[in-house]
C-alpha atoms as a PDB file:
ATOM      1  CA  UNK A   1       1.977  41.651  39.355  1.00  0.00           C
ATOM      2  CA  UNK A   2      -1.114  42.283  37.221  1.00  0.00           C
ATOM      3  CA  UNK A   3      -4.316  43.535  38.804  1.00  0.00           C
ATOM      4  CA  UNK A   4      -7.740  42.640  37.425  1.00  0.00           C
ATOM      5  CA  UNK A   5      -8.067  46.057  35.771  1.00  0.00           C
ATOM      6  CA  UNK A   6      -4.633  45.656  34.153  1.00  0.00           C
ATOM      7  CA  UNK A   7      -5.644  42.303  32.734  1.00  0.00           C
ATOM      8  CA  UNK A   8      -8.896  43.661  31.319  1.00  0.00           C
ATOM      9  CA  UNK A   9      -7.072  46.399  29.410  1.00  0.00           C
ATOM     10  CA  UNK A  10      -4.435  44.095  27.909  1.00  0.00           C
ATOM     11  CA  UNK A  11      -4.824  42.985  24.334  1.00  0.00           C
ATOM     12  CA  UNK A  12      -5.117  39.235  23.573  1.00  0.00           C
ATOM     13  CA  UNK A  13      -1.500  38.921  22.412  1.00  0.00           C
ATOM     14  CA  UNK A  14      -0.202  40.642  25.533  1.00  0.00           C
ATOM     15  CA  UNK A  15      -2.386  38.502  27.786  1.00  0.00           C
ATOM     16  CA  UNK A  16      -1.232  35.319  26.085  1.00  0.00           C
ATOM     17  CA  UNK A  17       2.435  36.168  26.613  1.00  0.00           C
ATOM     18  CA  UNK A  18       1.879  37.299  30.186  1.00  0.00           C
ATOM     19  CA  UNK A  19      -0.532  34.626  31.416  1.00  0.00           C
ATOM     20  CA  UNK A  20      -0.642  31.770  28.885  1.00  0.00           C
ATOM     21  CA  UNK A  21      -3.017  30.819  26.084  1.00  0.00           C
ATOM     22  CA  UNK A  22      -5.437  29.079  28.448  1.00  0.00           C
ATOM     23  CA  UNK A  23      -6.689  32.390  29.888  1.00  0.00           C
ATOM     24  CA  UNK A  24      -7.944  33.635  26.511  1.00  0.00           C
ATOM     25  CA  UNK A  25     -11.407  33.033  25.130  1.00  0.00           C
ATOM     26  CA  UNK A  26     -11.779  31.309  21.765  1.00  0.00           C
ATOM     27  CA  UNK A  27     -12.617  34.610  19.983  1.00  0.00           C
ATOM     28  CA  UNK A  28      -9.498  36.150  21.504  1.00  0.00           C
ATOM     29  CA  UNK A  29      -7.319  33.284  20.311  1.00  0.00           C
ATOM     30  CA  UNK A  30      -8.788  33.665  16.842  1.00  0.00           C
ATOM     31  CA  UNK A  31      -8.110  37.412  17.025  1.00  0.00           C
ATOM     32  CA  UNK A  32      -4.388  36.710  17.462  1.00  0.00           C
ATOM     33  CA  UNK A  33      -4.412  34.701  14.241  1.00  0.00           C
ATOM     34  CA  UNK A  34      -6.699  37.023  12.266  1.00  0.00           C
ATOM     35  CA  UNK A  35      -5.030  40.221  13.567  1.00  0.00           C
ATOM     36  CA  UNK A  36      -7.668  42.563  12.100  1.00  0.00           C
ATOM     37  CA  UNK A  37     -11.386  42.534  11.499  1.00  0.00           C
ATOM     38  CA  UNK A  38     -13.444  44.044   8.683  1.00  0.00           C
ATOM     39  CA  UNK A  39     -13.699  47.818   8.555  1.00  0.00           C
ATOM     40  CA  UNK A  40     -15.452  49.127  11.657  1.00  0.00           C
ATOM     41  CA  UNK A  41     -14.972  45.889  13.620  1.00  0.00           C
ATOM     42  CA  UNK A  42     -12.147  44.424  15.700  1.00  0.00           C
ATOM     43  CA  UNK A  43     -10.527  40.997  15.305  1.00  0.00           C
ATOM     44  CA  UNK A  44     -12.204  39.687  18.483  1.00  0.00           C
ATOM     45  CA  UNK A  45     -15.623  40.576  17.069  1.00  0.00           C
ATOM     46  CA  UNK A  46     -14.731  38.779  13.852  1.00  0.00           C
ATOM     47  CA  UNK A  47     -13.708  35.747  15.916  1.00  0.00           C
ATOM     48  CA  UNK A  48     -17.086  35.736  17.690  1.00  0.00           C
ATOM     49  CA  UNK A  49     -18.885  36.032  14.359  1.00  0.00           C
ATOM     50  CA  UNK A  50     -16.987  33.115  12.859  1.00  0.00           C
ATOM     51  CA  UNK A  51     -17.587  30.838  15.845  1.00  0.00           C
ATOM     52  CA  UNK A  52     -21.313  31.626  15.739  1.00  0.00           C
ATOM     53  CA  UNK A  53     -21.470  31.201  11.958  1.00  0.00           C
ATOM     54  CA  UNK A  54     -19.941  27.707  12.086  1.00  0.00           C
ATOM     55  CA  UNK A  55     -21.496  26.550  15.381  1.00  0.00           C
ATOM     56  CA  UNK A  56     -18.126  26.309  17.096  1.00  0.00           C
ATOM     57  CA  UNK A  57     -14.417  26.035  16.468  1.00  0.00           C
ATOM     58  CA  UNK A  58     -14.575  22.536  15.014  1.00  0.00           C
ATOM     59  CA  UNK A  59     -16.926  23.641  12.256  1.00  0.00           C
ATOM     60  CA  UNK A  60     -14.855  26.730  11.536  1.00  0.00           C
ATOM     61  CA  UNK A  61     -11.562  24.872  11.260  1.00  0.00           C
ATOM     62  CA  UNK A  62     -13.129  22.197   9.049  1.00  0.00           C
ATOM     63  CA  UNK A  63     -14.607  24.692   6.560  1.00  0.00           C
ATOM     64  CA  UNK A  64     -13.251  24.678   3.023  1.00  0.00           C
ATOM     65  CA  UNK A  65     -11.550  27.579   1.254  1.00  0.00           C
ATOM     66  CA  UNK A  66     -14.555  28.581  -0.826  1.00  0.00           C
ATOM     67  CA  UNK A  67     -16.788  28.861   2.230  1.00  0.00           C
ATOM     68  CA  UNK A  68     -14.240  30.873   4.201  1.00  0.00           C
ATOM     69  CA  UNK A  69     -13.532  33.251   1.329  1.00  0.00           C
ATOM     70  CA  UNK A  70     -17.251  34.068   1.078  1.00  0.00           C
ATOM     71  CA  UNK A  71     -17.279  35.585   4.596  1.00  0.00           C
ATOM     72  CA  UNK A  72     -16.729  39.355   4.902  1.00  0.00           C
ATOM     73  CA  UNK A  73     -13.437  40.052   6.648  1.00  0.00           C
ATOM     74  CA  UNK A  74     -11.760  36.830   5.545  1.00  0.00           C
ATOM     75  CA  UNK A  75      -9.500  37.387   2.583  1.00  0.00           C
ATOM     76  CA  UNK A  76      -7.025  34.902   1.070  1.00  0.00           C
ATOM     77  CA  UNK A  77      -4.408  35.420   3.805  1.00  0.00           C
ATOM     78  CA  UNK A  78      -6.749  34.811   6.752  1.00  0.00           C
ATOM     79  CA  UNK A  79      -8.401  31.904   4.942  1.00  0.00           C
ATOM     80  CA  UNK A  80      -5.020  30.264   4.350  1.00  0.00           C
ATOM     81  CA  UNK A  81      -4.123  30.676   8.015  1.00  0.00           C
ATOM     82  CA  UNK A  82      -7.310  28.951   9.173  1.00  0.00           C
ATOM     83  CA  UNK A  83      -6.883  26.136   6.644  1.00  0.00           C
ATOM     84  CA  UNK A  84      -3.277  25.676   7.754  1.00  0.00           C
ATOM     85  CA  UNK A  85      -4.303  25.390  11.418  1.00  0.00           C
ATOM     86  CA  UNK A  86      -6.770  22.604  10.641  1.00  0.00           C
ATOM     87  CA  UNK A  87      -4.231  20.725   8.533  1.00  0.00           C
ATOM     88  CA  UNK A  88      -1.620  21.014  11.293  1.00  0.00           C
ATOM     89  CA  UNK A  89      -4.183  19.639  13.770  1.00  0.00           C
ATOM     90  CA  UNK A  90      -4.859  16.651  11.519  1.00  0.00           C
ATOM     91  CA  UNK A  91      -1.153  16.011  11.071  1.00  0.00           C
ATOM     92  CA  UNK A  92      -0.538  16.202  14.819  1.00  0.00           C
ATOM     93  CA  UNK A  93      -3.253  13.594  15.389  1.00  0.00           C
ATOM     94  CA  UNK A  94      -1.784  11.443  12.609  1.00  0.00           C
ATOM     95  CA  UNK A  95       1.618  11.599  14.332  1.00  0.00           C
ATOM     96  CA  UNK A  96       0.023  10.116  17.445  1.00  0.00           C
ATOM     97  CA  UNK A  97      -1.293   7.196  15.397  1.00  0.00           C
ATOM     98  CA  UNK A  98       2.049   6.650  13.668  1.00  0.00           C
ATOM     99  CA  UNK A  99       3.877   6.644  16.997  1.00  0.00           C
ATOM    100  CA  UNK A 100       1.454   4.489  18.968  1.00  0.00           C
ATOM    101  CA  UNK A 101      -0.857   1.501  18.618  1.00  0.00           C
ATOM    102  CA  UNK A 102      -4.391   2.369  17.444  1.00  0.00           C
ATOM    103  CA  UNK A 103      -5.876  -0.664  19.166  1.00  0.00           C
ATOM    104  CA  UNK A 104      -4.581   0.779  22.432  1.00  0.00           C
ATOM    105  CA  UNK A 105      -5.682   4.307  21.538  1.00  0.00           C
ATOM    106  CA  UNK A 106      -9.204   4.163  20.023  1.00  0.00           C
ATOM    107  CA  UNK A 107      -9.809   7.729  21.203  1.00  0.00           C
ATOM    108  CA  UNK A 108      -6.928   9.012  19.053  1.00  0.00           C
ATOM    109  CA  UNK A 109      -8.251   7.174  15.982  1.00  0.00           C
ATOM    110  CA  UNK A 110     -11.691   8.685  16.462  1.00  0.00           C
ATOM    111  CA  UNK A 111     -10.269  12.179  17.017  1.00  0.00           C
ATOM    112  CA  UNK A 112      -8.228  11.895  13.851  1.00  0.00           C
ATOM    113  CA  UNK A 113     -11.194  10.713  11.780  1.00  0.00           C
ATOM    114  CA  UNK A 114     -13.499  13.410  13.169  1.00  0.00           C
ATOM    115  CA  UNK A 115     -10.898  16.071  12.336  1.00  0.00           C
ATOM    116  CA  UNK A 116     -10.538  14.596   8.857  1.00  0.00           C
ATOM    117  CA  UNK A 117     -14.185  13.952   7.990  1.00  0.00           C
ATOM    118  CA  UNK A 118     -16.520  15.345  10.637  1.00  0.00           C
ATOM    119  CA  UNK A 119     -17.662  18.547   8.946  1.00  0.00           C
ATOM    120  CA  UNK A 120     -17.624  17.539   5.285  1.00  0.00           C
ATOM    121  CA  UNK A 121     -20.909  18.232   3.494  1.00  0.00           C
ATOM    122  CA  UNK A 122     -20.849  15.092   1.376  1.00  0.00           C
ATOM    123  CA  UNK A 123     -19.879  11.553   2.308  1.00  0.00           C
ATOM    124  CA  UNK A 124     -16.192  10.699   2.074  1.00  0.00           C
ATOM    125  CA  UNK A 125     -14.770   7.251   2.711  1.00  0.00           C
ATOM    126  CA  UNK A 126     -11.124   6.776   3.685  1.00  0.00           C
ATOM    127  CA  UNK A 127      -8.869   3.872   4.563  1.00  0.00           C
ATOM    128  CA  UNK A 128      -6.232   4.022   7.292  1.00  0.00           C
ATOM    129  CA  UNK A 129      -3.500   1.548   6.350  1.00  0.00           C
ATOM    130  CA  UNK A 130      -1.621   0.131   9.355  1.00  0.00           C
ATOM    131  CA  UNK A 131       1.606  -1.780   9.834  1.00  0.00           C
ATOM    132  CA  UNK A 132       2.057  -4.979  11.808  1.00  0.00           C
ATOM    133  CA  UNK A 133       2.223  -2.968  15.038  1.00  0.00           C
ATOM    134  CA  UNK A 134      -1.055  -1.256  14.101  1.00  0.00           C
ATOM    135  CA  UNK A 135       0.651   2.083  13.549  1.00  0.00           C
ATOM    136  CA  UNK A 136      -0.612   4.354  10.807  1.00  0.00           C
ATOM    137  CA  UNK A 137       1.245   4.085   7.492  1.00  0.00           C
ATOM    138  CA  UNK A 138      -0.964   6.411   5.467  1.00  0.00           C
ATOM    139  CA  UNK A 139      -4.550   7.516   4.901  1.00  0.00           C
ATOM    140  CA  UNK A 140      -6.126   7.371   1.444  1.00  0.00           C
ATOM    141  CA  UNK A 141      -9.507   8.531   0.171  1.00  0.00           C
ATOM    142  CA  UNK A 142     -11.554   5.713  -1.357  1.00  0.00           C
ATOM    143  CA  UNK A 143     -14.697   7.492  -2.523  1.00  0.00           C
ATOM    144  CA  UNK A 144     -16.927  10.543  -2.372  1.00  0.00           C
ATOM    145  CA  UNK A 145     -20.693  10.490  -2.371  1.00  0.00           C
ATOM    146  CA  UNK A 146     -23.169   7.944  -0.993  1.00  0.00           C
ATOM    147  CA  UNK A 147     -21.278   4.948   0.330  1.00  0.00           C
ATOM    148  CA  UNK A 148     -22.113   1.666  -1.423  1.00  0.00           C
ATOM    149  CA  UNK A 149     -20.255  -1.438  -2.493  1.00  0.00           C
ATOM    150  CA  UNK A 150     -20.311   0.014  -6.006  1.00  0.00           C
ATOM    151  CA  UNK A 151     -18.494   3.189  -4.910  1.00  0.00           C
ATOM    152  CA  UNK A 152     -15.720   1.450  -2.960  1.00  0.00           C
ATOM    153  CA  UNK A 153     -13.842  -1.168  -4.951  1.00  0.00           C
ATOM    154  CA  UNK A 154     -12.429  -3.879  -2.660  1.00  0.00           C
ATOM    155  CA  UNK A 155      -9.885  -4.912  -5.309  1.00  0.00           C
ATOM    156  CA  UNK A 156      -8.403  -1.398  -5.301  1.00  0.00           C
ATOM    157  CA  UNK A 157      -8.338  -1.342  -1.492  1.00  0.00           C
ATOM    158  CA  UNK A 158      -6.536  -4.694  -1.490  1.00  0.00           C
ATOM    159  CA  UNK A 159      -4.026  -3.479  -4.114  1.00  0.00           C
ATOM    160  CA  UNK A 160      -3.305  -0.364  -2.059  1.00  0.00           C
ATOM    161  CA  UNK A 161      -2.901  -2.458   1.078  1.00  0.00           C
ATOM    162  CA  UNK A 162      -0.334  -4.663  -0.624  1.00  0.00           C
ATOM    163  CA  UNK A 163       1.463  -1.627  -2.075  1.00  0.00           C
ATOM    164  CA  UNK A 164       1.760  -0.093   1.406  1.00  0.00           C
ATOM    165  CA  UNK A 165       2.744  -3.465   2.961  1.00  0.00           C
ATOM    166  CA  UNK A 166      -0.184  -3.027   5.341  1.00  0.00           C
ATOM    167  CA  UNK A 167      -1.055  -5.666   7.910  1.00  0.00           C
ATOM    168  CA  UNK A 168      -4.370  -4.108   8.867  1.00  0.00           C
ATOM    169  CA  UNK A 169      -6.833  -1.438   7.855  1.00  0.00           C
ATOM    170  CA  UNK A 170      -9.425   0.834   9.438  1.00  0.00           C
ATOM    171  CA  UNK A 171     -12.271   2.076   7.272  1.00  0.00           C
ATOM    172  CA  UNK A 172     -13.950   5.403   8.074  1.00  0.00           C
ATOM    173  CA  UNK A 173     -16.651   7.461   6.437  1.00  0.00           C
ATOM    174  CA  UNK A 174     -18.784  10.405   7.487  1.00  0.00           C
ATOM    175  CA  UNK A 175     -22.534  10.910   7.746  1.00  0.00           C
ATOM    176  CA  UNK A 176     -23.243  14.597   6.952  1.00  0.00           C
ATOM    177  CA  UNK A 177     -26.736  14.137   8.427  1.00  0.00           C
ATOM    178  CA  UNK A 178     -25.179  13.947  11.881  1.00  0.00           C
ATOM    179  CA  UNK A 179     -26.673  10.496  12.538  1.00  0.00           C
ATOM    180  CA  UNK A 180     -23.932   8.040  13.379  1.00  0.00           C
ATOM    181  CA  UNK A 181     -26.022   4.879  13.096  1.00  0.00           C
ATOM    182  CA  UNK A 182     -24.667   2.449  10.457  1.00  0.00           C
ATOM    183  CA  UNK A 183     -26.925   1.732   7.497  1.00  0.00           C
ATOM    184  CA  UNK A 184     -27.461  -1.654   5.883  1.00  0.00           C
ATOM    185  CA  UNK A 185     -25.183  -0.503   3.048  1.00  0.00           C
ATOM    186  CA  UNK A 186     -22.472   0.306   5.619  1.00  0.00           C
ATOM    187  CA  UNK A 187     -22.740  -3.158   7.141  1.00  0.00           C
ATOM    188  CA  UNK A 188     -22.788  -4.897   3.736  1.00  0.00           C
ATOM    189  CA  UNK A 189     -19.673  -3.020   2.599  1.00  0.00           C
ATOM    190  CA  UNK A 190     -17.908  -3.874   5.868  1.00  0.00           C
ATOM    191  CA  UNK A 191     -18.562  -7.591   5.403  1.00  0.00           C
ATOM    192  CA  UNK A 192     -17.558  -7.539   1.741  1.00  0.00           C
ATOM    193  CA  UNK A 193     -14.339  -5.633   2.364  1.00  0.00           C
ATOM    194  CA  UNK A 194     -13.380  -7.772   5.350  1.00  0.00           C
ATOM    195  CA  UNK A 195     -13.686 -10.924   3.225  1.00  0.00           C
ATOM    196  CA  UNK A 196     -11.642  -9.425   0.370  1.00  0.00           C
ATOM    197  CA  UNK A 197      -8.858  -8.272   2.694  1.00  0.00           C
ATOM    198  CA  UNK A 198      -8.725 -11.629   4.478  1.00  0.00           C
ATOM    199  CA  UNK A 199      -7.691 -13.292   1.197  1.00  0.00           C
ATOM    200  CA  UNK A 200      -4.369 -11.410   1.359  1.00  0.00           C
ATOM    201  CA  UNK A 201      -3.982 -11.597   5.145  1.00  0.00           C
ATOM    202  CA  UNK A 202      -4.875  -7.954   5.800  1.00  0.00           C
ATOM    203  CA  UNK A 203      -7.142  -7.563   8.797  1.00  0.00           C
ATOM    204  CA  UNK A 204     -10.037  -5.099   8.820  1.00  0.00           C
ATOM    205  CA  UNK A 205      -9.820  -3.789  12.366  1.00  0.00           C
ATOM    206  CA  UNK A 206     -12.746  -1.396  12.382  1.00  0.00           C
ATOM    207  CA  UNK A 207     -15.222   0.693  10.425  1.00  0.00           C
ATOM    208  CA  UNK A 208     -15.930   4.110  11.927  1.00  0.00           C
ATOM    209  CA  UNK A 209     -19.059   6.137  11.211  1.00  0.00           C
ATOM    210  CA  UNK A 210     -18.067   9.777  11.691  1.00  0.00           C
ATOM    211  CA  UNK A 211     -20.091  12.905  12.415  1.00  0.00           C
ATOM    212  CA  UNK A 212     -19.121  16.370  13.606  1.00  0.00           C
ATOM    213  CA  UNK A 213     -19.875  15.268  17.162  1.00  0.00           C
ATOM    214  CA  UNK A 214     -17.859  12.066  17.272  1.00  0.00           C
ATOM    215  CA  UNK A 215     -17.459   8.601  15.790  1.00  0.00           C
ATOM    216  CA  UNK A 216     -19.155   5.218  16.235  1.00  0.00           C
ATOM    217  CA  UNK A 217     -17.050   2.065  16.020  1.00  0.00           C
ATOM    218  CA  UNK A 218     -18.636  -1.009  14.416  1.00  0.00           C
ATOM    219  CA  UNK A 219     -15.996  -3.169  16.127  1.00  0.00           C
ATOM    220  CA  UNK A 220     -16.997  -1.839  19.545  1.00  0.00           C
ATOM    221  CA  UNK A 221     -20.615  -2.658  18.700  1.00  0.00           C
ATOM    222  CA  UNK A 222     -19.726  -6.193  17.668  1.00  0.00           C
ATOM    223  CA  UNK A 223     -20.770  -5.551  14.059  1.00  0.00           C
ATOM    224  CA  UNK A 224     -17.450  -6.266  12.378  1.00  0.00           C
END
């Protein structure tokens, strides 16, 4: 049986094996992945620095390779490990959508879209193509940059929907400003795309506005 003093002297890896991952702090969990810190600093200190630098784990795990490589103590190996963790998280969330019904699991759809888009520095718009049971078939990027009807081509979205034999679609794009309120351009694109998809019997289920802190559903607001 471990005493309190024993626990305090154990290293993160030892504590995880002995007591479970839930007893470790976020910097300690990062230390297990990073293994070492920069010269003169331990891995736990590096974990604390990274969490502070990116305002939390979500920001850290959503950072791109160039940003991570610019941080002292993060070389190619550690950067690849962090990028791999975020991709595995996205794929795990995607598995939930492929196995279940998004209409019954709006929380899962939002989590997936936040993991995919929440911390991007420029606007990205994606389409989630769904089968007749509203399970995820695939996710495709539609555009980068300011979202307008000119940047998202409904004909291409329709063609992709037919190619994937999709019965429905969820549109999602991020607001790097952190404001999740839909703009007039967002609403105009939603109406235009819904009409185009209806011509080939593909239903636009929702349009999500995504920020690092969450996602707003236009369907839930009655704006679809």
